[in-house]
């Protein structure tokens, strides 16, 4: 179970840790923000979270020097 928790935290919370690092906050505060606003606004921050996760994935892929056009 601990292994599964580590995998989920690395994959799912990458956006929260990135935002926390950029804003100078703790990542647990940013996670709580997403959770509370998701409950209050009926899930709209989840869409923002997914867009940001996609953008961070593309950004890290491009910085890695991989040429995805020729793959």
PDB file of N, CA and C in Angstrom:
ATOM      1  N   UNK A   1       0.810  -1.185   0.000  1.00  0.00           N
ATOM      2  CA  UNK A   1       0.000   0.000   0.000  1.00  0.00           C
ATOM      3  C   UNK A   1       0.864   1.264   0.000  1.00  0.00           C
ATOM      4  N   UNK A   2       1.974   1.214   0.699  1.00  0.00           N
ATOM      5  CA  UNK A   2       2.885   2.365   0.741  1.00  0.00           C
ATOM      6  C   UNK A   2       3.478   2.621  -0.644  1.00  0.00           C
ATOM      7  N   UNK A   3       3.761   1.545  -1.377  1.00  0.00           N
ATOM      8  CA  UNK A   3       4.283   1.676  -2.738  1.00  0.00           C
ATOM      9  C   UNK A   3       3.276   2.400  -3.633  1.00  0.00           C
ATOM     10  N   UNK A   4       2.014   2.022  -3.516  1.00  0.00           N
ATOM     11  CA  UNK A   4       0.966   2.659  -4.303  1.00  0.00           C
ATOM     12  C   UNK A   4       0.831   4.137  -3.937  1.00  0.00           C
ATOM     13  N   UNK A   5       0.925   4.447  -2.657  1.00  0.00           N
ATOM     14  CA  UNK A   5       0.841   5.832  -2.206  1.00  0.00           C
ATOM     15  C   UNK A   5       1.982   6.658  -2.787  1.00  0.00           C
ATOM     16  N   UNK A   6       3.193   6.114  -2.797  1.00  0.00           N
ATOM     17  CA  UNK A   6       4.335   6.833  -3.360  1.00  0.00           C
ATOM     18  C   UNK A   6       4.162   7.098  -4.849  1.00  0.00           C
ATOM     19  N   UNK A   7       3.646   6.136  -5.572  1.00  0.00           N
ATOM     20  CA  UNK A   7       3.426   6.304  -7.014  1.00  0.00           C
ATOM     21  C   UNK A   7       2.387   7.385  -7.272  1.00  0.00           C
ATOM     22  N   UNK A   8       1.283   7.359  -6.525  1.00  0.00           N
ATOM     23  CA  UNK A   8       0.217   8.349  -6.716  1.00  0.00           C
ATOM     24  C   UNK A   8       0.721   9.740  -6.371  1.00  0.00           C
ATOM     25  N   UNK A   9       1.494   9.883  -5.289  1.00  0.00           N
ATOM     26  CA  UNK A   9       1.990  11.198  -4.911  1.00  0.00           C
ATOM     27  C   UNK A   9       2.961  11.749  -5.950  1.00  0.00           C
ATOM     28  N   UNK A  10       3.788  10.905  -6.527  1.00  0.00           N
ATOM     29  CA  UNK A  10       4.737  11.376  -7.538  1.00  0.00           C
ATOM     30  C   UNK A  10       4.023  11.781  -8.819  1.00  0.00           C
ATOM     31  N   UNK A  11       3.017  11.036  -9.210  1.00  0.00           N
ATOM     32  CA  UNK A  11       2.321  11.305 -10.471  1.00  0.00           C
ATOM     33  C   UNK A  11       1.238  12.367 -10.326  1.00  0.00           C
ATOM     34  N   UNK A  12       0.415  12.256  -9.309  1.00  0.00           N
ATOM     35  CA  UNK A  12      -0.752  13.125  -9.199  1.00  0.00           C
ATOM     36  C   UNK A  12      -0.446  14.483  -8.593  1.00  0.00           C
ATOM     37  N   UNK A  13       0.558  14.569  -7.764  1.00  0.00           N
ATOM     38  CA  UNK A  13       0.818  15.818  -7.081  1.00  0.00           C
ATOM     39  C   UNK A  13       1.975  16.596  -7.688  1.00  0.00           C
ATOM     40  N   UNK A  14       2.389  16.264  -8.855  1.00  0.00           N
ATOM     41  CA  UNK A  14       3.447  17.015  -9.499  1.00  0.00           C
ATOM     42  C   UNK A  14       3.060  18.460  -9.760  1.00  0.00           C
ATOM     43  N   UNK A  15       1.818  18.667 -10.081  1.00  0.00           N
ATOM     44  CA  UNK A  15       1.331  20.023 -10.339  1.00  0.00           C
ATOM     45  C   UNK A  15       1.342  20.830  -9.048  1.00  0.00           C
ATOM     46  N   UNK A  16       0.868  20.241  -7.979  1.00  0.00           N
ATOM     47  CA  UNK A  16       0.820  20.956  -6.699  1.00  0.00           C
ATOM     48  C   UNK A  16       2.218  21.292  -6.205  1.00  0.00           C
ATOM     49  N   UNK A  17       3.160  20.357  -6.320  1.00  0.00           N
ATOM     50  CA  UNK A  17       4.515  20.666  -5.858  1.00  0.00           C
ATOM     51  C   UNK A  17       5.179  21.707  -6.739  1.00  0.00           C
ATOM     52  N   UNK A  18       4.900  21.674  -8.033  1.00  0.00           N
ATOM     53  CA  UNK A  18       5.461  22.685  -8.929  1.00  0.00           C
ATOM     54  C   UNK A  18       4.926  24.070  -8.574  1.00  0.00           C
ATOM     55  N   UNK A  19       3.605  24.165  -8.386  1.00  0.00           N
ATOM     56  CA  UNK A  19       3.004  25.451  -8.025  1.00  0.00           C
ATOM     57  C   UNK A  19       3.501  25.939  -6.668  1.00  0.00           C
ATOM     58  N   UNK A  20       3.621  25.028  -5.722  1.00  0.00           N
ATOM     59  CA  UNK A  20       4.093  25.411  -4.391  1.00  0.00           C
ATOM     60  C   UNK A  20       5.528  25.917  -4.451  1.00  0.00           C
ATOM     61  N   UNK A  21       6.336  25.279  -5.255  1.00  0.00           N
ATOM     62  CA  UNK A  21       7.731  25.705  -5.386  1.00  0.00           C
ATOM     63  C   UNK A  21       7.798  27.085  -6.033  1.00  0.00           C
ATOM     64  N   UNK A  22       7.002  27.321  -7.041  1.00  0.00           N
ATOM     65  CA  UNK A  22       7.009  28.611  -7.741  1.00  0.00           C
ATOM     66  C   UNK A  22       6.473  29.748  -6.868  1.00  0.00           C
ATOM     67  N   UNK A  23       5.501  29.440  -5.990  1.00  0.00           N
ATOM     68  CA  UNK A  23       4.907  30.474  -5.154  1.00  0.00           C
ATOM     69  C   UNK A  23       5.550  30.575  -3.776  1.00  0.00           C
ATOM     70  N   UNK A  24       6.426  29.640  -3.439  1.00  0.00           N
ATOM     71  CA  UNK A  24       7.087  29.670  -2.144  1.00  0.00           C
ATOM     72  C   UNK A  24       6.205  29.179  -1.008  1.00  0.00           C
ATOM     73  N   UNK A  25       5.296  28.261  -1.296  1.00  0.00           N
ATOM     74  CA  UNK A  25       4.396  27.704  -0.296  1.00  0.00           C
ATOM     75  C   UNK A  25       4.708  26.228  -0.084  1.00  0.00           C
ATOM     76  N   UNK A  26       4.069  25.662   0.928  1.00  0.00           N
ATOM     77  CA  UNK A  26       4.175  24.211   1.110  1.00  0.00           C
ATOM     78  C   UNK A  26       3.213  23.529   0.149  1.00  0.00           C
ATOM     79  N   UNK A  27       3.616  22.376  -0.353  1.00  0.00           N
ATOM     80  CA  UNK A  27       2.764  21.686  -1.320  1.00  0.00           C
ATOM     81  C   UNK A  27       1.468  21.189  -0.684  1.00  0.00           C
ATOM     82  N   UNK A  28       1.476  20.913   0.622  1.00  0.00           N
ATOM     83  CA  UNK A  28       0.246  20.471   1.267  1.00  0.00           C
ATOM     84  C   UNK A  28      -0.807  21.574   1.261  1.00  0.00           C
ATOM     85  N   UNK A  29      -0.381  22.831   1.355  1.00  0.00           N
ATOM     86  CA  UNK A  29      -1.329  23.958   1.288  1.00  0.00           C
ATOM     87  C   UNK A  29      -1.967  24.048  -0.095  1.00  0.00           C
ATOM     88  N   UNK A  30      -1.177  23.863  -1.118  1.00  0.00           N
ATOM     89  CA  UNK A  30      -1.702  23.940  -2.484  1.00  0.00           C
ATOM     90  C   UNK A  30      -2.654  22.779  -2.738  1.00  0.00           C
ATOM     91  N   UNK A  31      -2.323  21.595  -2.240  1.00  0.00           N
ATOM     92  CA  UNK A  31      -3.216  20.442  -2.392  1.00  0.00           C
ATOM     93  C   UNK A  31      -4.543  20.687  -1.702  1.00  0.00           C
ATOM     94  N   UNK A  32      -4.484  21.234  -0.502  1.00  0.00           N
ATOM     95  CA  UNK A  32      -5.719  21.527   0.226  1.00  0.00           C
ATOM     96  C   UNK A  32      -6.549  22.576  -0.516  1.00  0.00           C
ATOM     97  N   UNK A  33      -5.893  23.540  -1.138  1.00  0.00           N
ATOM     98  CA  UNK A  33      -6.602  24.540  -1.935  1.00  0.00           C
ATOM     99  C   UNK A  33      -7.372  23.864  -3.062  1.00  0.00           C
ATOM    100  N   UNK A  34      -6.721  22.955  -3.777  1.00  0.00           N
ATOM    101  CA  UNK A  34      -7.397  22.262  -4.867  1.00  0.00           C
ATOM    102  C   UNK A  34      -8.568  21.425  -4.351  1.00  0.00           C
ATOM    103  N   UNK A  35      -8.368  20.763  -3.232  1.00  0.00           N
ATOM    104  CA  UNK A  35      -9.437  19.922  -2.686  1.00  0.00           C
ATOM    105  C   UNK A  35     -10.632  20.770  -2.266  1.00  0.00           C
ATOM    106  N   UNK A  36     -10.385  21.818  -1.494  1.00  0.00           N
ATOM    107  CA  UNK A  36     -11.489  22.654  -1.019  1.00  0.00           C
ATOM    108  C   UNK A  36     -12.205  23.370  -2.153  1.00  0.00           C
ATOM    109  N   UNK A  37     -11.466  23.917  -3.088  1.00  0.00           N
ATOM    110  CA  UNK A  37     -12.136  24.606  -4.184  1.00  0.00           C
ATOM    111  C   UNK A  37     -12.876  23.635  -5.101  1.00  0.00           C
ATOM    112  N   UNK A  38     -12.410  22.406  -5.190  1.00  0.00           N
ATOM    113  CA  UNK A  38     -13.137  21.407  -5.972  1.00  0.00           C
ATOM    114  C   UNK A  38     -14.489  21.097  -5.346  1.00  0.00           C
ATOM    115  N   UNK A  39     -14.520  21.023  -4.014  1.00  0.00           N
ATOM    116  CA  UNK A  39     -15.794  20.782  -3.343  1.00  0.00           C
ATOM    117  C   UNK A  39     -16.725  21.976  -3.478  1.00  0.00           C
ATOM    118  N   UNK A  40     -16.181  23.161  -3.326  1.00  0.00           N
ATOM    119  CA  UNK A  40     -17.022  24.364  -3.351  1.00  0.00           C
ATOM    120  C   UNK A  40     -17.562  24.642  -4.747  1.00  0.00           C
ATOM    121  N   UNK A  41     -16.715  24.496  -5.766  1.00  0.00           N
ATOM    122  CA  UNK A  41     -17.131  24.847  -7.126  1.00  0.00           C
ATOM    123  C   UNK A  41     -17.546  23.641  -7.958  1.00  0.00           C
ATOM    124  N   UNK A  42     -17.756  22.528  -7.310  1.00  0.00           N
ATOM    125  CA  UNK A  42     -18.235  21.298  -7.960  1.00  0.00           C
ATOM    126  C   UNK A  42     -17.282  20.766  -9.034  1.00  0.00           C
ATOM    127  N   UNK A  43     -15.985  20.860  -8.794  1.00  0.00           N
ATOM    128  CA  UNK A  43     -15.009  20.187  -9.636  1.00  0.00           C
ATOM    129  C   UNK A  43     -14.320  20.993 -10.705  1.00  0.00           C
ATOM    130  N   UNK A  44     -14.584  22.269 -10.842  1.00  0.00           N
ATOM    131  CA  UNK A  44     -13.942  23.030 -11.912  1.00  0.00           C
ATOM    132  C   UNK A  44     -12.415  23.147 -11.756  1.00  0.00           C
ATOM    133  N   UNK A  45     -11.834  23.205 -10.554  1.00  0.00           N
ATOM    134  CA  UNK A  45     -10.367  23.238 -10.469  1.00  0.00           C
ATOM    135  C   UNK A  45      -9.696  21.951 -10.967  1.00  0.00           C
ATOM    136  N   UNK A  46     -10.454  20.874 -11.037  1.00  0.00           N
ATOM    137  CA  UNK A  46      -9.880  19.632 -11.559  1.00  0.00           C
ATOM    138  C   UNK A  46      -9.511  19.807 -13.024  1.00  0.00           C
ATOM    139  N   UNK A  47     -10.314  20.548 -13.767  1.00  0.00           N
ATOM    140  CA  UNK A  47      -9.999  20.823 -15.167  1.00  0.00           C
ATOM    141  C   UNK A  47      -8.720  21.639 -15.270  1.00  0.00           C
ATOM    142  N   UNK A  48      -8.591  22.643 -14.423  1.00  0.00           N
ATOM    143  CA  UNK A  48      -7.369  23.454 -14.399  1.00  0.00           C
ATOM    144  C   UNK A  48      -6.171  22.592 -14.040  1.00  0.00           C
ATOM    145  N   UNK A  49      -6.341  21.702 -13.065  1.00  0.00           N
ATOM    146  CA  UNK A  49      -5.267  20.802 -12.644  1.00  0.00           C
ATOM    147  C   UNK A  49      -4.819  19.912 -13.801  1.00  0.00           C
ATOM    148  N   UNK A  50      -5.763  19.361 -14.533  1.00  0.00           N
ATOM    149  CA  UNK A  50      -5.416  18.478 -15.651  1.00  0.00           C
ATOM    150  C   UNK A  50      -4.714  19.226 -16.776  1.00  0.00           C
ATOM    151  N   UNK A  51      -5.150  20.449 -17.058  1.00  0.00           N
ATOM    152  CA  UNK A  51      -4.486  21.258 -18.084  1.00  0.00           C
ATOM    153  C   UNK A  51      -3.052  21.568 -17.661  1.00  0.00           C
ATOM    154  N   UNK A  52      -2.871  21.914 -16.399  1.00  0.00           N
ATOM    155  CA  UNK A  52      -1.523  22.215 -15.911  1.00  0.00           C
ATOM    156  C   UNK A  52      -0.639  20.979 -15.915  1.00  0.00           C
ATOM    157  N   UNK A  53      -1.190  19.820 -15.570  1.00  0.00           N
ATOM    158  CA  UNK A  53      -0.422  18.581 -15.609  1.00  0.00           C
ATOM    159  C   UNK A  53       0.014  18.270 -17.040  1.00  0.00           C
ATOM    160  N   UNK A  54      -0.887  18.462 -17.978  1.00  0.00           N
ATOM    161  CA  UNK A  54      -0.549  18.243 -19.385  1.00  0.00           C
ATOM    162  C   UNK A  54       0.558  19.203 -19.825  1.00  0.00           C
ATOM    163  N   UNK A  55       0.432  20.478 -19.448  1.00  0.00           N
ATOM    164  CA  UNK A  55       1.425  21.472 -19.832  1.00  0.00           C
ATOM    165  C   UNK A  55       2.794  21.158 -19.225  1.00  0.00           C
ATOM    166  N   UNK A  56       2.834  20.750 -17.966  1.00  0.00           N
ATOM    167  CA  UNK A  56       4.110  20.408 -17.329  1.00  0.00           C
ATOM    168  C   UNK A  56       4.741  19.189 -17.984  1.00  0.00           C
ATOM    169  N   UNK A  57       3.909  18.244 -18.399  1.00  0.00           N
ATOM    170  CA  UNK A  57       4.427  17.053 -19.069  1.00  0.00           C
ATOM    171  C   UNK A  57       5.039  17.420 -20.420  1.00  0.00           C
ATOM    172  N   UNK A  58       4.366  18.241 -21.183  1.00  0.00           N
ATOM    173  CA  UNK A  58       4.887  18.677 -22.479  1.00  0.00           C
ATOM    174  C   UNK A  58       6.158  19.506 -22.287  1.00  0.00           C
ATOM    175  N   UNK A  59       6.133  20.387 -21.304  1.00  0.00           N
ATOM    176  CA  UNK A  59       7.278  21.251 -21.036  1.00  0.00           C
ATOM    177  C   UNK A  59       8.523  20.433 -20.660  1.00  0.00           C
ATOM    178  N   UNK A  60       8.357  19.433 -19.802  1.00  0.00           N
ATOM    179  CA  UNK A  60       9.504  18.608 -19.416  1.00  0.00           C
ATOM    180  C   UNK A  60       9.974  17.752 -20.589  1.00  0.00           C
ATOM    181  N   UNK A  61       9.050  17.341 -21.431  1.00  0.00           N
ATOM    182  CA  UNK A  61       9.419  16.543 -22.597  1.00  0.00           C
ATOM    183  C   UNK A  61      10.238  17.378 -23.589  1.00  0.00           C
ATOM    184  N   UNK A  62       9.834  18.613 -23.799  1.00  0.00           N
ATOM    185  CA  UNK A  62      10.559  19.484 -24.725  1.00  0.00           C
ATOM    186  C   UNK A  62      11.933  19.878 -24.176  1.00  0.00           C
ATOM    187  N   UNK A  63      12.008  20.096 -22.874  1.00  0.00           N
ATOM    188  CA  UNK A  63      13.302  20.445 -22.278  1.00  0.00           C
ATOM    189  C   UNK A  63      14.255  19.272 -22.256  1.00  0.00           C
ATOM    190  N   UNK A  64      13.728  18.070 -22.351  1.00  0.00           N
ATOM    191  CA  UNK A  64      14.573  16.878 -22.327  1.00  0.00           C
ATOM    192  C   UNK A  64      15.322  16.673 -23.626  1.00  0.00           C
ATOM    193  N   UNK A  65      15.023  17.449 -24.623  1.00  0.00           N
ATOM    194  CA  UNK A  65      15.711  17.350 -25.903  1.00  0.00           C
ATOM    195  C   UNK A  65      15.162  16.286 -26.828  1.00  0.00           C
ATOM    196  N   UNK A  66      14.042  15.708 -26.475  1.00  0.00           N
ATOM    197  CA  UNK A  66      13.438  14.690 -27.331  1.00  0.00           C
ATOM    198  C   UNK A  66      12.731  15.360 -28.488  1.00  0.00           C
ATOM    199  N   UNK A  67      12.882  14.810 -29.643  1.00  0.00           N
ATOM    200  CA  UNK A  67      12.230  15.332 -30.824  1.00  0.00           C
ATOM    201  C   UNK A  67      10.980  14.501 -31.086  1.00  0.00           C
ATOM    202  N   UNK A  68       9.862  14.929 -30.559  1.00  0.00           N
ATOM    203  CA  UNK A  68       8.638  14.159 -30.662  1.00  0.00           C
ATOM    204  C   UNK A  68       7.981  14.278 -32.026  1.00  0.00           C
ATOM    205  N   UNK A  69       8.415  15.183 -32.859  1.00  0.00           N
ATOM    206  CA  UNK A  69       7.821  15.318 -34.189  1.00  0.00           C
ATOM    207  C   UNK A  69       8.275  14.156 -35.083  1.00  0.00           C
ATOM    208  N   UNK A  70       9.489  13.722 -34.916  1.00  0.00           N
ATOM    209  CA  UNK A  70      10.025  12.662 -35.759  1.00  0.00           C
ATOM    210  C   UNK A  70       9.796  11.261 -35.214  1.00  0.00           C
ATOM    211  N   UNK A  71       9.169  11.129 -34.060  1.00  0.00           N
ATOM    212  CA  UNK A  71       8.935   9.800 -33.476  1.00  0.00           C
ATOM    213  C   UNK A  71       7.886   9.050 -34.224  1.00  0.00           C
TER     214      UNK A  71
END
